[in-house]
Amino acid sequence: MAAQRLSEEWLDSDVRENPVTAALGAAAARWLQNNPRRIQVLLVNTGVNTIYVGLGGQVSATNGIPVAGNGGNLQLLAVEDGELVRREWWGICPAGANAIYVTEVVRK
C-alpha cells in the first residue's frame, strides 16, 4: 500500500496494476496495446524458449529484442524509457507456443 501511495503522490494521480498472462507462438502477435496512460510495463518469459519482442508486427528472431526463457524479462519505466512505455508491443517465439506474464501500471 505504501508503494501505491508513493506512486500516486509522485504522479499526482491514482494508479492501478493490470496483470495479463498470454502466450506467443511462431507468428508475430501483439502482447500489449498502445496506452498513453501506461507508466510501467513488465514482461516475464515464463516459458523455456527465447522470445523476441519489438514495436511492430515485423518482429522476428533477427529483428527484435531477445528475452531468454525461464524468467528472462523486459521492464520499461516512463521516467527512464519515455514514449517506449506507452507504445504497442509485439512478440514472437520461433520455437512455438511459449507462455509470458505481463503486468502494466497505468494512471487512472
N, C-alpha and C. Protein backbone atom coordinates (compact mmCIF):
# COMPACT_ATOMS: atom_id res chain seq x y z
N MET A 1 0.82 -1.20 0.00
CA MET A 1 0.00 0.00 0.00
C MET A 1 0.86 1.26 0.00
N ALA A 2 1.99 1.22 0.71
CA ALA A 2 2.86 2.39 0.77
C ALA A 2 3.43 2.71 -0.61
N ALA A 3 3.80 1.67 -1.37
CA ALA A 3 4.35 1.90 -2.71
C ALA A 3 3.30 2.53 -3.62
N GLN A 4 2.06 2.09 -3.51
CA GLN A 4 0.99 2.68 -4.33
C GLN A 4 0.80 4.14 -3.96
N ARG A 5 0.78 4.43 -2.65
CA ARG A 5 0.61 5.81 -2.21
C ARG A 5 1.74 6.70 -2.71
N LEU A 6 2.97 6.18 -2.64
CA LEU A 6 4.13 6.93 -3.12
C LEU A 6 4.01 7.20 -4.62
N SER A 7 3.62 6.18 -5.39
CA SER A 7 3.44 6.36 -6.83
C SER A 7 2.37 7.39 -7.12
N GLU A 8 1.28 7.34 -6.40
CA GLU A 8 0.18 8.28 -6.63
C GLU A 8 0.58 9.71 -6.28
N GLU A 9 1.37 9.87 -5.20
CA GLU A 9 1.83 11.21 -4.84
C GLU A 9 2.82 11.72 -5.88
N TRP A 10 3.74 10.88 -6.31
CA TRP A 10 4.75 11.26 -7.28
C TRP A 10 4.12 11.65 -8.62
N LEU A 11 3.09 10.90 -9.02
CA LEU A 11 2.44 11.13 -10.31
C LEU A 11 1.25 12.08 -10.21
N ASP A 12 0.86 12.42 -8.98
CA ASP A 12 -0.33 13.23 -8.75
C ASP A 12 -1.54 12.62 -9.46
N SER A 13 -1.67 11.29 -9.33
CA SER A 13 -2.75 10.56 -9.99
C SER A 13 -2.91 9.19 -9.35
N ASP A 14 -4.12 8.63 -9.41
CA ASP A 14 -4.33 7.25 -8.99
C ASP A 14 -3.68 6.32 -9.99
N VAL A 15 -3.18 5.18 -9.51
CA VAL A 15 -2.59 4.18 -10.41
C VAL A 15 -3.24 2.84 -10.14
N ARG A 16 -3.19 1.96 -11.15
CA ARG A 16 -3.68 0.60 -10.97
C ARG A 16 -2.78 -0.35 -11.72
N GLU A 17 -2.72 -1.58 -11.23
CA GLU A 17 -1.93 -2.62 -11.87
C GLU A 17 -2.87 -3.48 -12.70
N ASN A 18 -2.39 -3.93 -13.85
CA ASN A 18 -3.21 -4.71 -14.76
C ASN A 18 -2.41 -5.92 -15.25
N PRO A 19 -2.45 -7.06 -14.52
CA PRO A 19 -1.68 -8.24 -14.93
C PRO A 19 -2.38 -9.06 -16.02
N VAL A 20 -1.59 -9.65 -16.91
CA VAL A 20 -2.11 -10.45 -18.01
C VAL A 20 -1.18 -11.65 -18.21
N THR A 21 -1.75 -12.83 -18.42
CA THR A 21 -0.98 -14.00 -18.81
C THR A 21 -1.35 -14.31 -20.25
N ALA A 22 -0.36 -14.53 -21.08
CA ALA A 22 -0.61 -14.76 -22.50
C ALA A 22 0.41 -15.75 -23.05
N ALA A 23 0.37 -15.97 -24.32
CA ALA A 23 1.33 -16.85 -24.98
C ALA A 23 1.73 -16.25 -26.31
N LEU A 24 2.97 -16.50 -26.70
CA LEU A 24 3.46 -16.13 -28.01
C LEU A 24 3.74 -17.40 -28.78
N GLY A 25 3.58 -17.35 -30.09
CA GLY A 25 3.84 -18.51 -30.93
C GLY A 25 4.74 -18.15 -32.09
N ALA A 26 4.72 -18.99 -33.12
CA ALA A 26 5.61 -18.83 -34.26
C ALA A 26 5.24 -17.67 -35.18
N ALA A 27 4.05 -17.11 -35.02
CA ALA A 27 3.65 -15.93 -35.80
C ALA A 27 3.67 -14.71 -34.87
N ALA A 28 4.09 -13.58 -35.39
CA ALA A 28 4.13 -12.35 -34.60
C ALA A 28 2.74 -12.02 -34.07
N ALA A 29 2.68 -11.62 -32.80
CA ALA A 29 1.40 -11.28 -32.16
C ALA A 29 1.60 -10.09 -31.23
N ARG A 30 0.58 -9.27 -31.13
CA ARG A 30 0.61 -8.13 -30.22
C ARG A 30 0.37 -8.63 -28.80
N TRP A 31 1.25 -8.28 -27.89
CA TRP A 31 1.04 -8.67 -26.49
C TRP A 31 0.74 -7.47 -25.60
N LEU A 32 0.81 -6.26 -26.16
CA LEU A 32 0.49 -5.08 -25.39
C LEU A 32 0.00 -3.98 -26.33
N GLN A 33 -1.18 -3.48 -26.07
CA GLN A 33 -1.75 -2.43 -26.91
C GLN A 33 -1.19 -1.07 -26.51
N ASN A 34 -1.27 -0.12 -27.43
CA ASN A 34 -0.88 1.25 -27.15
C ASN A 34 -1.74 1.79 -26.01
N ASN A 35 -1.12 2.47 -25.04
CA ASN A 35 -1.86 3.05 -23.93
C ASN A 35 -1.11 4.27 -23.42
N PRO A 36 -1.57 5.48 -23.74
CA PRO A 36 -0.87 6.69 -23.32
C PRO A 36 -0.86 6.91 -21.81
N ARG A 37 -1.67 6.15 -21.07
CA ARG A 37 -1.73 6.30 -19.61
C ARG A 37 -0.77 5.34 -18.89
N ARG A 38 -0.10 4.47 -19.63
CA ARG A 38 0.81 3.50 -19.04
C ARG A 38 2.10 4.18 -18.57
N ILE A 39 2.55 3.82 -17.36
CA ILE A 39 3.79 4.38 -16.83
C ILE A 39 4.85 3.31 -16.57
N GLN A 40 4.44 2.04 -16.58
CA GLN A 40 5.39 0.96 -16.37
C GLN A 40 4.84 -0.32 -16.99
N VAL A 41 5.73 -1.15 -17.51
CA VAL A 41 5.35 -2.46 -18.00
C VAL A 41 6.46 -3.45 -17.67
N LEU A 42 6.05 -4.65 -17.30
CA LEU A 42 6.99 -5.73 -17.03
C LEU A 42 6.52 -6.96 -17.78
N LEU A 43 7.40 -7.53 -18.60
CA LEU A 43 7.15 -8.79 -19.29
C LEU A 43 8.13 -9.81 -18.73
N VAL A 44 7.63 -10.97 -18.33
CA VAL A 44 8.47 -12.07 -17.88
C VAL A 44 8.21 -13.27 -18.77
N ASN A 45 9.27 -13.82 -19.32
CA ASN A 45 9.16 -15.01 -20.16
C ASN A 45 9.11 -16.23 -19.23
N THR A 46 7.92 -16.77 -19.01
CA THR A 46 7.74 -17.90 -18.10
C THR A 46 7.90 -19.24 -18.81
N GLY A 47 8.09 -19.23 -20.11
CA GLY A 47 8.33 -20.45 -20.87
C GLY A 47 9.82 -20.78 -20.91
N VAL A 48 10.16 -21.82 -21.65
CA VAL A 48 11.56 -22.26 -21.72
C VAL A 48 12.30 -21.72 -22.94
N ASN A 49 11.58 -21.24 -23.95
CA ASN A 49 12.20 -20.79 -25.19
C ASN A 49 12.45 -19.29 -25.18
N THR A 50 13.46 -18.87 -25.92
CA THR A 50 13.71 -17.44 -26.10
C THR A 50 12.60 -16.85 -26.96
N ILE A 51 12.12 -15.69 -26.55
CA ILE A 51 11.15 -14.94 -27.35
C ILE A 51 11.83 -13.67 -27.84
N TYR A 52 11.21 -13.03 -28.82
CA TYR A 52 11.74 -11.78 -29.36
C TYR A 52 10.60 -10.77 -29.37
N VAL A 53 10.86 -9.57 -28.88
CA VAL A 53 9.83 -8.54 -28.80
C VAL A 53 10.28 -7.29 -29.53
N GLY A 54 9.31 -6.52 -29.99
CA GLY A 54 9.61 -5.28 -30.70
C GLY A 54 8.37 -4.44 -30.86
N LEU A 55 8.54 -3.33 -31.55
CA LEU A 55 7.47 -2.34 -31.66
C LEU A 55 6.53 -2.53 -32.83
N GLY A 56 6.65 -3.61 -33.57
CA GLY A 56 5.73 -3.80 -34.69
C GLY A 56 5.59 -5.24 -35.07
N GLY A 57 4.67 -5.49 -35.98
CA GLY A 57 4.38 -6.83 -36.43
C GLY A 57 5.50 -7.48 -37.23
N GLN A 58 6.55 -6.74 -37.53
CA GLN A 58 7.68 -7.29 -38.26
C GLN A 58 8.72 -7.93 -37.33
N VAL A 59 8.39 -8.05 -36.06
CA VAL A 59 9.34 -8.63 -35.11
C VAL A 59 9.67 -10.06 -35.52
N SER A 60 10.95 -10.42 -35.35
CA SER A 60 11.42 -11.77 -35.70
C SER A 60 12.66 -12.08 -34.88
N ALA A 61 13.21 -13.26 -35.07
CA ALA A 61 14.43 -13.64 -34.35
C ALA A 61 15.62 -12.77 -34.77
N THR A 62 15.55 -12.14 -35.92
CA THR A 62 16.63 -11.27 -36.38
C THR A 62 16.26 -9.80 -36.31
N ASN A 63 15.03 -9.51 -35.88
CA ASN A 63 14.55 -8.14 -35.80
C ASN A 63 13.72 -7.97 -34.53
N GLY A 64 14.37 -8.10 -33.39
CA GLY A 64 13.66 -7.97 -32.13
C GLY A 64 14.62 -8.03 -30.95
N ILE A 65 14.11 -7.74 -29.80
CA ILE A 65 14.88 -7.81 -28.56
C ILE A 65 14.71 -9.20 -27.98
N PRO A 66 15.79 -9.98 -27.81
CA PRO A 66 15.64 -11.32 -27.27
C PRO A 66 15.37 -11.28 -25.75
N VAL A 67 14.43 -12.12 -25.33
CA VAL A 67 14.14 -12.28 -23.90
C VAL A 67 14.26 -13.77 -23.61
N ALA A 68 15.26 -14.15 -22.84
CA ALA A 68 15.55 -15.55 -22.57
C ALA A 68 14.41 -16.23 -21.82
N GLY A 69 14.32 -17.55 -21.99
CA GLY A 69 13.31 -18.34 -21.29
C GLY A 69 13.62 -18.47 -19.81
N ASN A 70 12.67 -19.08 -19.08
CA ASN A 70 12.84 -19.36 -17.65
C ASN A 70 13.09 -18.11 -16.81
N GLY A 71 12.32 -17.06 -17.07
CA GLY A 71 12.39 -15.87 -16.22
C GLY A 71 13.06 -14.66 -16.82
N GLY A 72 13.56 -14.76 -18.05
CA GLY A 72 14.09 -13.56 -18.69
C GLY A 72 13.01 -12.50 -18.71
N ASN A 73 13.39 -11.22 -18.62
CA ASN A 73 12.35 -10.20 -18.54
C ASN A 73 12.76 -8.91 -19.22
N LEU A 74 11.76 -8.10 -19.45
CA LEU A 74 11.92 -6.77 -20.01
C LEU A 74 11.06 -5.84 -19.17
N GLN A 75 11.67 -4.78 -18.65
CA GLN A 75 10.92 -3.81 -17.87
C GLN A 75 11.10 -2.43 -18.48
N LEU A 76 10.02 -1.72 -18.62
CA LEU A 76 10.04 -0.36 -19.15
C LEU A 76 9.42 0.58 -18.13
N LEU A 77 10.10 1.68 -17.85
CA LEU A 77 9.61 2.70 -16.91
C LEU A 77 9.55 4.03 -17.63
N ALA A 78 8.47 4.74 -17.49
CA ALA A 78 8.29 6.01 -18.20
C ALA A 78 9.42 6.99 -17.90
N VAL A 79 9.89 7.04 -16.66
CA VAL A 79 10.93 8.01 -16.31
C VAL A 79 12.27 7.67 -16.96
N GLU A 80 12.47 6.42 -17.37
CA GLU A 80 13.72 6.01 -17.99
C GLU A 80 13.59 5.79 -19.50
N ASP A 81 12.44 5.27 -19.93
CA ASP A 81 12.28 4.84 -21.31
C ASP A 81 11.32 5.70 -22.13
N GLY A 82 10.77 6.72 -21.52
CA GLY A 82 9.94 7.67 -22.24
C GLY A 82 8.77 7.04 -22.99
N GLU A 83 8.61 7.42 -24.24
CA GLU A 83 7.47 7.01 -25.06
C GLU A 83 7.42 5.51 -25.33
N LEU A 84 8.52 4.79 -25.18
CA LEU A 84 8.50 3.34 -25.42
C LEU A 84 7.50 2.63 -24.51
N VAL A 85 7.25 3.19 -23.34
CA VAL A 85 6.35 2.57 -22.37
C VAL A 85 4.92 2.52 -22.89
N ARG A 86 4.46 3.54 -23.54
CA ARG A 86 3.06 3.61 -23.98
C ARG A 86 2.80 2.91 -25.30
N ARG A 87 3.84 2.55 -26.02
CA ARG A 87 3.71 2.00 -27.36
C ARG A 87 3.09 0.61 -27.39
N GLU A 88 2.64 0.20 -28.56
CA GLU A 88 2.15 -1.14 -28.82
C GLU A 88 3.36 -2.06 -29.00
N TRP A 89 3.35 -3.23 -28.33
CA TRP A 89 4.47 -4.17 -28.39
C TRP A 89 4.02 -5.50 -28.97
N TRP A 90 4.90 -6.10 -29.76
CA TRP A 90 4.64 -7.37 -30.43
C TRP A 90 5.72 -8.36 -30.02
N GLY A 91 5.43 -9.63 -30.21
CA GLY A 91 6.42 -10.66 -29.91
C GLY A 91 6.25 -11.90 -30.75
N ILE A 92 7.26 -12.73 -30.71
CA ILE A 92 7.25 -13.99 -31.46
C ILE A 92 8.14 -15.00 -30.74
N CYS A 93 7.78 -16.26 -30.86
CA CYS A 93 8.61 -17.34 -30.34
C CYS A 93 8.79 -18.35 -31.48
N PRO A 94 9.91 -18.27 -32.20
CA PRO A 94 10.11 -19.15 -33.35
C PRO A 94 9.99 -20.63 -33.02
N ALA A 95 10.25 -21.02 -31.77
CA ALA A 95 10.18 -22.43 -31.38
C ALA A 95 8.75 -22.92 -31.15
N GLY A 96 7.77 -22.02 -31.18
CA GLY A 96 6.37 -22.41 -30.95
C GLY A 96 5.81 -21.79 -29.69
N ALA A 97 4.67 -22.29 -29.24
CA ALA A 97 3.94 -21.70 -28.11
C ALA A 97 4.82 -21.56 -26.87
N ASN A 98 4.77 -20.40 -26.27
CA ASN A 98 5.59 -20.08 -25.11
C ASN A 98 4.83 -19.09 -24.23
N ALA A 99 4.69 -19.39 -22.96
CA ALA A 99 3.93 -18.54 -22.03
C ALA A 99 4.72 -17.29 -21.63
N ILE A 100 4.00 -16.19 -21.46
CA ILE A 100 4.58 -14.95 -20.91
C ILE A 100 3.62 -14.40 -19.86
N TYR A 101 4.19 -13.62 -18.95
CA TYR A 101 3.41 -12.90 -17.96
C TYR A 101 3.69 -11.42 -18.17
N VAL A 102 2.65 -10.63 -18.24
CA VAL A 102 2.79 -9.19 -18.46
C VAL A 102 1.99 -8.46 -17.41
N THR A 103 2.59 -7.44 -16.83
CA THR A 103 1.82 -6.56 -15.95
C THR A 103 2.18 -5.12 -16.31
N GLU A 104 1.19 -4.27 -16.24
CA GLU A 104 1.41 -2.86 -16.52
C GLU A 104 0.84 -2.03 -15.38
N VAL A 105 1.42 -0.85 -15.19
CA VAL A 105 0.89 0.10 -14.23
C VAL A 105 0.43 1.30 -15.05
N VAL A 106 -0.82 1.67 -14.85
CA VAL A 106 -1.40 2.78 -15.61
C VAL A 106 -2.01 3.81 -14.68
N ARG A 107 -2.01 5.05 -15.15
CA ARG A 107 -2.70 6.11 -14.43
C ARG A 107 -4.19 5.97 -14.68
N LYS A 108 -4.97 6.14 -13.65
CA LYS A 108 -6.44 6.03 -13.79
C LYS A 108 -6.98 7.26 -14.47
